[in-house]
Protein backbone atom coordinates (compact mmCIF):
# COMPACT_ATOMS: atom_id res chain seq x y z
CA MET A 1 20.13 -18.37 -22.98
CA GLN A 2 22.30 -17.78 -25.86
CA GLU A 3 22.28 -20.00 -28.60
CA MET A 4 25.81 -20.84 -30.24
CA LYS A 5 26.71 -21.39 -33.57
CA ILE A 6 27.70 -24.56 -35.00
CA SER A 7 30.01 -24.76 -37.60
CA SER A 8 30.16 -27.50 -40.11
CA LYS A 9 32.97 -29.26 -39.10
CA GLN A 10 32.18 -29.10 -35.82
CA ARG A 11 28.65 -30.75 -36.40
CA ALA A 12 30.63 -33.17 -38.33
CA ASN A 13 33.11 -33.92 -35.07
CA LEU A 14 29.88 -33.95 -33.03
CA ARG A 15 28.01 -36.26 -35.57
CA ALA A 16 31.02 -38.77 -35.52
CA MET A 17 30.93 -39.10 -31.98
CA ALA A 18 27.56 -40.02 -31.98
CA GLN A 19 27.73 -42.80 -33.97
CA MET A 20 28.97 -44.77 -30.59
CA LEU A 21 26.02 -43.49 -28.54
CA GLU A 22 23.30 -45.45 -27.63
CA PRO A 23 19.31 -43.47 -27.73
CA VAL A 24 18.82 -42.47 -24.03
CA VAL A 25 15.35 -40.93 -24.56
CA TYR A 26 12.86 -43.04 -26.74
CA ILE A 27 9.55 -41.02 -27.69
CA GLY A 28 6.56 -43.22 -27.72
CA LYS A 29 2.72 -43.28 -28.53
CA ASP A 30 2.44 -40.30 -25.84
CA GLY A 31 4.61 -38.21 -27.76
CA ILE A 32 6.92 -35.04 -26.12
CA THR A 33 5.23 -34.96 -22.44
CA ASP A 34 6.54 -32.42 -19.93
CA ASN A 35 8.07 -35.79 -18.10
CA LEU A 36 9.84 -36.43 -21.35
CA LEU A 37 10.96 -32.60 -21.76
CA SER A 38 12.58 -32.83 -18.39
CA GLN A 39 14.57 -36.28 -18.75
CA VAL A 40 15.93 -34.54 -21.97
CA VAL A 41 17.13 -31.44 -20.21
CA GLY A 42 18.63 -33.59 -17.40
CA ALA A 43 20.34 -35.93 -19.93
CA LEU A 44 22.03 -32.80 -22.20
CA GLU A 45 22.95 -31.38 -18.82
CA ALA A 46 24.63 -34.10 -17.66
CA ARG A 47 26.45 -34.97 -21.29
CA GLU A 48 25.62 -32.10 -23.75
CA LEU A 49 25.70 -35.00 -26.62
CA ILE A 50 22.60 -37.79 -26.51
CA LYS A 51 20.78 -39.61 -29.03
CA CYS A 52 16.92 -40.03 -29.27
CA SER A 53 14.85 -42.53 -31.00
CA VAL A 54 11.24 -42.60 -31.83
CA GLN A 55 9.34 -45.40 -31.54
CA GLN A 56 6.80 -46.85 -34.61
CA SER A 57 4.18 -45.73 -32.39
CA CYS A 58 4.66 -41.99 -32.00
CA GLY A 59 2.44 -39.81 -34.18
CA VAL A 60 5.70 -38.00 -34.89
CA ASN A 61 8.89 -38.32 -37.27
CA ALA A 62 12.27 -37.73 -36.04
CA GLY A 63 12.51 -34.75 -38.06
CA GLU A 64 9.54 -33.21 -36.26
CA ALA A 65 10.49 -34.60 -33.11
CA CYS A 66 14.08 -32.76 -33.34
CA ASP A 67 12.57 -29.23 -34.08
CA MET A 68 10.21 -29.51 -31.34
CA LEU A 69 12.81 -30.81 -28.99
CA CYS A 70 15.44 -28.15 -30.17
CA ASN A 71 13.09 -24.84 -29.93
CA LEU A 72 11.38 -26.17 -26.33
CA THR A 73 15.15 -27.21 -24.48
CA HIS A 74 17.65 -24.58 -26.73
CA ALA A 75 20.16 -27.49 -28.23
CA GLN A 76 21.33 -27.76 -32.02
CA GLY A 77 19.94 -30.70 -33.95
CA ILE A 78 23.03 -32.55 -35.17
CA SER A 79 21.70 -35.40 -37.25
CA VAL A 80 18.37 -37.04 -37.96
CA LEU A 81 18.44 -40.37 -39.57
CA GLY A 82 15.68 -42.58 -39.73
CA ARG A 83 13.54 -42.72 -36.22
CA LYS A 84 17.06 -41.25 -34.29
CA PHE A 85 18.39 -38.64 -34.11
CA VAL A 86 21.43 -36.43 -32.11
CA LEU A 87 21.25 -33.16 -30.10
CA TYR A 88 23.80 -31.24 -28.89
CA ARG A 89 23.79 -28.31 -25.72
CA ARG A 90 26.44 -27.22 -24.21
CA SER A 91 26.26 -27.36 -20.47
CA SER A 92 26.30 -24.69 -17.88
CA GLN A 93 27.47 -26.17 -14.94
CA ASP A 94 30.10 -28.86 -16.10
CA GLN A 95 31.30 -28.40 -20.07
CA LYS A 96 32.59 -31.64 -21.50
CA ILE A 97 32.98 -31.35 -25.06
CA PHE A 98 35.37 -28.37 -26.07
CA PHE A 99 35.97 -27.21 -30.12
């Protein structure tokens, strides 16, 4: 899968869109498991833009979790703030966000 380059203006628009989102993926004490990974891939395919939350009991911080999930899912990290982060990946089936 070819990785898309996002400009700073596009990133700012995605960040603004993500402000209204509630987290759909919660990373708990087990960290990033195969089940969590399939949940993230499914959510990205359905929504393209998702917000994730790292629980206090997790062994990794939000920045590390964001980097790991970006590498594993070929997504773009949009923002990391506190224990929450936002991921974007264009859907291969039904694109919803157009630049």
